[in-house]
Amino acid sequence: MGLFHKKKEEKSCCCGGSCTPEKMVEAEAAKTIAGVKVLGSGCAKCHALEDATRAALAELHMETTIDHVTDFSQIATYGVMTTPALVVDDKVVSYGKVLKKDEAKALIQKVRG
């Protein structure tokens, strides 16, 4: 017998235990869907980031569908505590600032090649 025992990994709630199991599953499912997402409450800064991202995607001739995630429990699954945030293909590429179109374009190109 070894001296170290590996603890079984437990799934914990993203918000300290106030989520229902159904909400946790829903949040994880939303997180695994590839695409472009803006995370935030729906404020002016979030909309500005969405507009810049939409323009960047149009210039890149990529699908311009952007999901806007406003549910804090889903946002927390990404580890984001400062919004607005931009997620490209399940990777958080920016948070806490409104990107300009060219900045968003560069980040999208970096993730998608």
N, C-alpha and C. Protein backbone atom coordinates (compact mmCIF):
# COMPACT_ATOMS: atom_id res chain seq x y z
N MET A 1 0.84 -1.19 0.00
CA MET A 1 0.00 0.00 0.00
C MET A 1 0.87 1.23 0.00
N GLY A 2 0.50 2.18 -0.83
CA GLY A 2 1.22 3.44 -0.89
C GLY A 2 0.79 4.38 0.22
N LEU A 3 1.58 5.37 0.44
CA LEU A 3 1.26 6.35 1.47
C LEU A 3 0.24 7.38 0.99
N PHE A 4 0.13 7.53 -0.31
CA PHE A 4 -0.76 8.55 -0.84
C PHE A 4 -1.96 7.89 -1.48
N HIS A 5 -3.11 8.42 -1.20
CA HIS A 5 -4.35 7.92 -1.80
C HIS A 5 -4.94 9.02 -2.66
N LYS A 6 -5.34 8.66 -3.83
CA LYS A 6 -5.92 9.63 -4.73
C LYS A 6 -7.39 9.82 -4.34
N LYS A 7 -7.76 11.06 -4.09
CA LYS A 7 -9.15 11.36 -3.75
C LYS A 7 -10.00 11.30 -5.00
N LYS A 8 -11.19 10.80 -4.84
CA LYS A 8 -12.14 10.78 -5.94
C LYS A 8 -12.56 12.21 -6.23
N GLU A 9 -12.52 12.58 -7.52
CA GLU A 9 -12.91 13.93 -7.90
C GLU A 9 -14.40 14.08 -7.77
N GLU A 10 -14.81 15.15 -7.12
CA GLU A 10 -16.22 15.43 -6.98
C GLU A 10 -16.55 16.65 -7.80
N LYS A 11 -17.71 16.59 -8.46
CA LYS A 11 -18.16 17.77 -9.19
C LYS A 11 -18.80 18.71 -8.20
N SER A 12 -18.34 19.92 -8.19
CA SER A 12 -18.95 20.90 -7.31
C SER A 12 -19.66 21.96 -8.12
N CYS A 13 -20.56 22.60 -7.49
CA CYS A 13 -21.32 23.65 -8.14
C CYS A 13 -20.42 24.84 -8.40
N CYS A 14 -20.71 25.54 -9.46
CA CYS A 14 -19.90 26.70 -9.83
C CYS A 14 -20.15 27.90 -8.93
N CYS A 15 -21.24 27.88 -8.19
CA CYS A 15 -21.57 29.06 -7.40
C CYS A 15 -21.69 28.72 -5.91
N GLY A 16 -20.99 27.69 -5.47
CA GLY A 16 -20.94 27.40 -4.05
C GLY A 16 -22.09 26.56 -3.51
N GLY A 17 -22.83 25.91 -4.37
CA GLY A 17 -23.84 24.99 -3.89
C GLY A 17 -25.28 25.43 -4.07
N SER A 18 -25.52 26.58 -4.68
CA SER A 18 -26.91 27.03 -4.82
C SER A 18 -27.57 26.55 -6.11
N CYS A 19 -26.82 25.92 -7.00
CA CYS A 19 -27.40 25.41 -8.24
C CYS A 19 -28.05 24.06 -8.01
N THR A 20 -29.07 23.79 -8.79
CA THR A 20 -29.68 22.46 -8.79
C THR A 20 -28.84 21.57 -9.69
N PRO A 21 -28.94 20.27 -9.54
CA PRO A 21 -28.19 19.37 -10.44
C PRO A 21 -28.54 19.61 -11.90
N GLU A 22 -29.80 19.92 -12.18
CA GLU A 22 -30.21 20.18 -13.56
C GLU A 22 -29.51 21.41 -14.11
N LYS A 23 -29.40 22.45 -13.28
CA LYS A 23 -28.75 23.69 -13.72
C LYS A 23 -27.26 23.45 -13.96
N MET A 24 -26.62 22.60 -13.14
CA MET A 24 -25.21 22.29 -13.33
C MET A 24 -24.99 21.58 -14.66
N VAL A 25 -25.86 20.62 -14.97
CA VAL A 25 -25.75 19.88 -16.24
C VAL A 25 -25.96 20.82 -17.41
N GLU A 26 -26.95 21.71 -17.29
CA GLU A 26 -27.23 22.68 -18.35
C GLU A 26 -26.05 23.61 -18.58
N ALA A 27 -25.44 24.06 -17.51
CA ALA A 27 -24.29 24.97 -17.60
C ALA A 27 -23.11 24.27 -18.26
N GLU A 28 -22.84 23.03 -17.89
CA GLU A 28 -21.74 22.27 -18.49
C GLU A 28 -22.00 22.02 -19.96
N ALA A 29 -23.25 21.70 -20.32
CA ALA A 29 -23.59 21.45 -21.72
C ALA A 29 -23.40 22.71 -22.55
N ALA A 30 -23.81 23.84 -22.04
CA ALA A 30 -23.65 25.10 -22.75
C ALA A 30 -22.18 25.43 -22.94
N LYS A 31 -21.37 25.08 -21.98
CA LYS A 31 -19.94 25.38 -22.04
C LYS A 31 -19.24 24.57 -23.13
N THR A 32 -19.70 23.35 -23.40
CA THR A 32 -19.00 22.48 -24.33
C THR A 32 -19.39 22.70 -25.78
N ILE A 33 -20.40 23.52 -26.04
CA ILE A 33 -20.80 23.78 -27.41
C ILE A 33 -19.84 24.80 -28.02
N ALA A 34 -19.21 24.39 -29.13
CA ALA A 34 -18.23 25.28 -29.78
C ALA A 34 -18.96 26.44 -30.44
N GLY A 35 -18.26 27.53 -30.59
CA GLY A 35 -18.82 28.71 -31.22
C GLY A 35 -18.27 29.95 -30.57
N VAL A 36 -18.94 31.06 -30.80
CA VAL A 36 -18.52 32.33 -30.25
C VAL A 36 -19.58 32.79 -29.25
N LYS A 37 -19.12 33.18 -28.07
CA LYS A 37 -20.02 33.61 -27.01
C LYS A 37 -19.50 34.90 -26.39
N VAL A 38 -20.43 35.77 -26.04
CA VAL A 38 -20.13 36.94 -25.23
C VAL A 38 -20.74 36.66 -23.87
N LEU A 39 -19.93 36.78 -22.84
CA LEU A 39 -20.41 36.55 -21.48
C LEU A 39 -20.59 37.90 -20.80
N GLY A 40 -21.75 38.12 -20.23
CA GLY A 40 -21.98 39.36 -19.52
C GLY A 40 -23.45 39.60 -19.25
N SER A 41 -23.73 40.62 -18.48
CA SER A 41 -25.08 40.88 -17.99
C SER A 41 -26.02 41.45 -19.05
N GLY A 42 -25.49 41.89 -20.16
CA GLY A 42 -26.32 42.51 -21.18
C GLY A 42 -26.20 44.03 -21.17
N CYS A 43 -25.17 44.53 -20.52
CA CYS A 43 -24.94 45.97 -20.41
C CYS A 43 -24.39 46.53 -21.73
N ALA A 44 -24.19 47.83 -21.77
CA ALA A 44 -23.69 48.50 -22.97
C ALA A 44 -22.32 47.96 -23.39
N LYS A 45 -21.46 47.67 -22.42
CA LYS A 45 -20.13 47.14 -22.75
C LYS A 45 -20.23 45.76 -23.40
N CYS A 46 -21.14 44.94 -22.90
CA CYS A 46 -21.34 43.61 -23.49
C CYS A 46 -21.81 43.72 -24.93
N HIS A 47 -22.74 44.64 -25.17
CA HIS A 47 -23.26 44.84 -26.53
C HIS A 47 -22.18 45.41 -27.45
N ALA A 48 -21.32 46.27 -26.93
CA ALA A 48 -20.22 46.81 -27.73
C ALA A 48 -19.25 45.70 -28.12
N LEU A 49 -18.96 44.79 -27.18
CA LEU A 49 -18.08 43.65 -27.48
C LEU A 49 -18.73 42.76 -28.53
N GLU A 50 -20.02 42.52 -28.39
CA GLU A 50 -20.73 41.70 -29.36
C GLU A 50 -20.69 42.33 -30.76
N ASP A 51 -20.90 43.63 -30.84
CA ASP A 51 -20.86 44.33 -32.13
C ASP A 51 -19.48 44.24 -32.78
N ALA A 52 -18.42 44.44 -31.98
CA ALA A 52 -17.05 44.36 -32.50
C ALA A 52 -16.74 42.94 -32.97
N THR A 53 -17.20 41.96 -32.21
CA THR A 53 -16.97 40.56 -32.57
C THR A 53 -17.72 40.19 -33.83
N ARG A 54 -18.95 40.66 -33.94
CA ARG A 54 -19.76 40.39 -35.14
C ARG A 54 -19.07 40.98 -36.38
N ALA A 55 -18.55 42.19 -36.27
CA ALA A 55 -17.85 42.83 -37.38
C ALA A 55 -16.58 42.06 -37.73
N ALA A 56 -15.86 41.59 -36.72
CA ALA A 56 -14.63 40.82 -36.96
C ALA A 56 -14.95 39.51 -37.67
N LEU A 57 -16.00 38.82 -37.24
CA LEU A 57 -16.40 37.56 -37.89
C LEU A 57 -16.82 37.80 -39.34
N ALA A 58 -17.51 38.90 -39.58
CA ALA A 58 -17.94 39.22 -40.96
C ALA A 58 -16.72 39.45 -41.85
N GLU A 59 -15.72 40.16 -41.35
CA GLU A 59 -14.50 40.41 -42.13
C GLU A 59 -13.75 39.11 -42.41
N LEU A 60 -13.84 38.17 -41.48
CA LEU A 60 -13.16 36.88 -41.65
C LEU A 60 -14.00 35.89 -42.46
N HIS A 61 -15.19 36.32 -42.86
CA HIS A 61 -16.12 35.46 -43.61
C HIS A 61 -16.44 34.18 -42.84
N MET A 62 -16.67 34.34 -41.55
CA MET A 62 -17.03 33.22 -40.68
C MET A 62 -18.47 33.39 -40.22
N GLU A 63 -19.05 32.32 -39.76
CA GLU A 63 -20.40 32.35 -39.20
C GLU A 63 -20.49 33.45 -38.17
N THR A 64 -21.51 34.29 -38.27
CA THR A 64 -21.61 35.44 -37.37
C THR A 64 -22.61 35.24 -36.23
N THR A 65 -23.02 34.02 -36.00
CA THR A 65 -23.91 33.75 -34.87
C THR A 65 -23.11 33.84 -33.59
N ILE A 66 -23.59 34.66 -32.69
CA ILE A 66 -22.93 34.85 -31.40
C ILE A 66 -23.96 34.60 -30.30
N ASP A 67 -23.63 33.73 -29.38
CA ASP A 67 -24.49 33.50 -28.23
C ASP A 67 -24.12 34.50 -27.15
N HIS A 68 -25.13 35.09 -26.54
CA HIS A 68 -24.89 36.02 -25.44
C HIS A 68 -25.34 35.32 -24.15
N VAL A 69 -24.39 34.98 -23.30
CA VAL A 69 -24.67 34.26 -22.05
C VAL A 69 -24.77 35.28 -20.93
N THR A 70 -25.96 35.36 -20.32
CA THR A 70 -26.18 36.32 -19.25
C THR A 70 -26.36 35.65 -17.89
N ASP A 71 -26.54 34.35 -17.88
CA ASP A 71 -26.75 33.62 -16.62
C ASP A 71 -25.41 33.49 -15.88
N PHE A 72 -25.36 34.05 -14.67
CA PHE A 72 -24.10 34.06 -13.93
C PHE A 72 -23.56 32.67 -13.65
N SER A 73 -24.42 31.70 -13.40
CA SER A 73 -23.92 30.35 -13.12
C SER A 73 -23.23 29.76 -14.35
N GLN A 74 -23.73 30.07 -15.54
CA GLN A 74 -23.07 29.60 -16.76
C GLN A 74 -21.77 30.36 -17.00
N ILE A 75 -21.77 31.66 -16.72
CA ILE A 75 -20.55 32.46 -16.88
C ILE A 75 -19.46 31.94 -15.95
N ALA A 76 -19.84 31.60 -14.72
CA ALA A 76 -18.87 31.12 -13.73
C ALA A 76 -18.23 29.80 -14.14
N THR A 77 -18.91 28.99 -14.95
CA THR A 77 -18.31 27.72 -15.38
C THR A 77 -17.08 27.94 -16.24
N TYR A 78 -16.97 29.13 -16.82
CA TYR A 78 -15.79 29.47 -17.62
C TYR A 78 -14.66 30.03 -16.76
N GLY A 79 -14.92 30.25 -15.48
CA GLY A 79 -13.92 30.81 -14.59
C GLY A 79 -13.81 32.32 -14.73
N VAL A 80 -14.78 32.92 -15.37
CA VAL A 80 -14.78 34.37 -15.61
C VAL A 80 -15.48 35.07 -14.46
N MET A 81 -14.81 36.04 -13.88
CA MET A 81 -15.40 36.83 -12.81
C MET A 81 -15.54 38.30 -13.21
N THR A 82 -14.96 38.69 -14.33
CA THR A 82 -15.03 40.06 -14.83
C THR A 82 -15.57 40.03 -16.25
N THR A 83 -16.66 40.73 -16.47
CA THR A 83 -17.25 40.77 -17.79
C THR A 83 -17.12 42.18 -18.35
N PRO A 84 -17.26 42.34 -19.64
CA PRO A 84 -17.65 41.34 -20.63
C PRO A 84 -16.47 40.41 -20.95
N ALA A 85 -16.82 39.23 -21.44
CA ALA A 85 -15.80 38.26 -21.81
C ALA A 85 -16.15 37.68 -23.18
N LEU A 86 -15.12 37.26 -23.89
CA LEU A 86 -15.30 36.65 -25.20
C LEU A 86 -14.76 35.23 -25.15
N VAL A 87 -15.60 34.29 -25.62
CA VAL A 87 -15.23 32.88 -25.67
C VAL A 87 -15.31 32.44 -27.12
N VAL A 88 -14.23 31.84 -27.62
CA VAL A 88 -14.19 31.33 -28.99
C VAL A 88 -13.87 29.84 -28.91
N ASP A 89 -14.79 29.04 -29.43
CA ASP A 89 -14.64 27.59 -29.43
C ASP A 89 -14.23 27.06 -28.06
N ASP A 90 -14.95 27.49 -27.04
CA ASP A 90 -14.81 27.05 -25.66
C ASP A 90 -13.52 27.52 -24.98
N LYS A 91 -12.85 28.52 -25.56
CA LYS A 91 -11.65 29.09 -24.94
C LYS A 91 -11.93 30.55 -24.60
N VAL A 92 -11.73 30.92 -23.36
CA VAL A 92 -11.87 32.32 -22.97
C VAL A 92 -10.67 33.06 -23.54
N VAL A 93 -10.93 34.00 -24.43
CA VAL A 93 -9.83 34.72 -25.08
C VAL A 93 -9.67 36.14 -24.57
N SER A 94 -10.70 36.66 -23.90
CA SER A 94 -10.63 38.01 -23.35
C SER A 94 -11.69 38.16 -22.27
N TYR A 95 -11.36 38.93 -21.25
CA TYR A 95 -12.35 39.25 -20.23
C TYR A 95 -12.01 40.59 -19.60
N GLY A 96 -13.06 41.28 -19.15
CA GLY A 96 -12.88 42.53 -18.44
C GLY A 96 -12.65 43.75 -19.30
N LYS A 97 -12.80 43.62 -20.62
CA LYS A 97 -12.61 44.79 -21.48
C LYS A 97 -13.40 44.65 -22.76
N VAL A 98 -13.70 45.79 -23.35
CA VAL A 98 -14.38 45.82 -24.64
C VAL A 98 -13.29 45.85 -25.71
N LEU A 99 -13.28 44.81 -26.52
CA LEU A 99 -12.29 44.73 -27.60
C LEU A 99 -12.72 45.57 -28.78
N LYS A 100 -11.75 46.07 -29.50
CA LYS A 100 -12.01 46.71 -30.78
C LYS A 100 -12.11 45.59 -31.82
N LYS A 101 -12.68 45.92 -32.97
CA LYS A 101 -12.88 44.92 -34.02
C LYS A 101 -11.58 44.21 -34.38
N ASP A 102 -10.50 44.94 -34.54
CA ASP A 102 -9.23 44.33 -34.94
C ASP A 102 -8.66 43.43 -33.85
N GLU A 103 -8.88 43.79 -32.59
CA GLU A 103 -8.43 42.94 -31.48
C GLU A 103 -9.21 41.64 -31.46
N ALA A 104 -10.53 41.74 -31.64
CA ALA A 104 -11.37 40.54 -31.67
C ALA A 104 -10.99 39.66 -32.86
N LYS A 105 -10.74 40.29 -33.99
CA LYS A 105 -10.36 39.55 -35.20
C LYS A 105 -9.07 38.76 -34.98
N ALA A 106 -8.08 39.40 -34.37
CA ALA A 106 -6.80 38.72 -34.10
C ALA A 106 -6.98 37.53 -33.16
N LEU A 107 -7.79 37.69 -32.14
CA LEU A 107 -8.02 36.59 -31.19
C LEU A 107 -8.77 35.44 -31.83
N ILE A 108 -9.75 35.75 -32.67
CA ILE A 108 -10.50 34.71 -33.36
C ILE A 108 -9.58 33.95 -34.30
N GLN A 109 -8.75 34.67 -35.05
CA GLN A 109 -7.80 34.03 -35.96
C GLN A 109 -6.82 33.14 -35.20
N LYS A 110 -6.40 33.59 -34.04
CA LYS A 110 -5.45 32.81 -33.24
C LYS A 110 -6.05 31.47 -32.81
N VAL A 111 -7.32 31.50 -32.41
CA VAL A 111 -7.98 30.26 -31.96
C VAL A 111 -8.34 29.37 -33.13
N ARG A 112 -8.86 29.95 -34.17
CA ARG A 112 -9.37 29.15 -35.30
C ARG A 112 -8.35 28.93 -36.41
N GLY A 113 -7.22 29.58 -36.32
CA GLY A 113 -6.16 29.37 -37.30
C GLY A 113 -6.48 30.01 -38.57
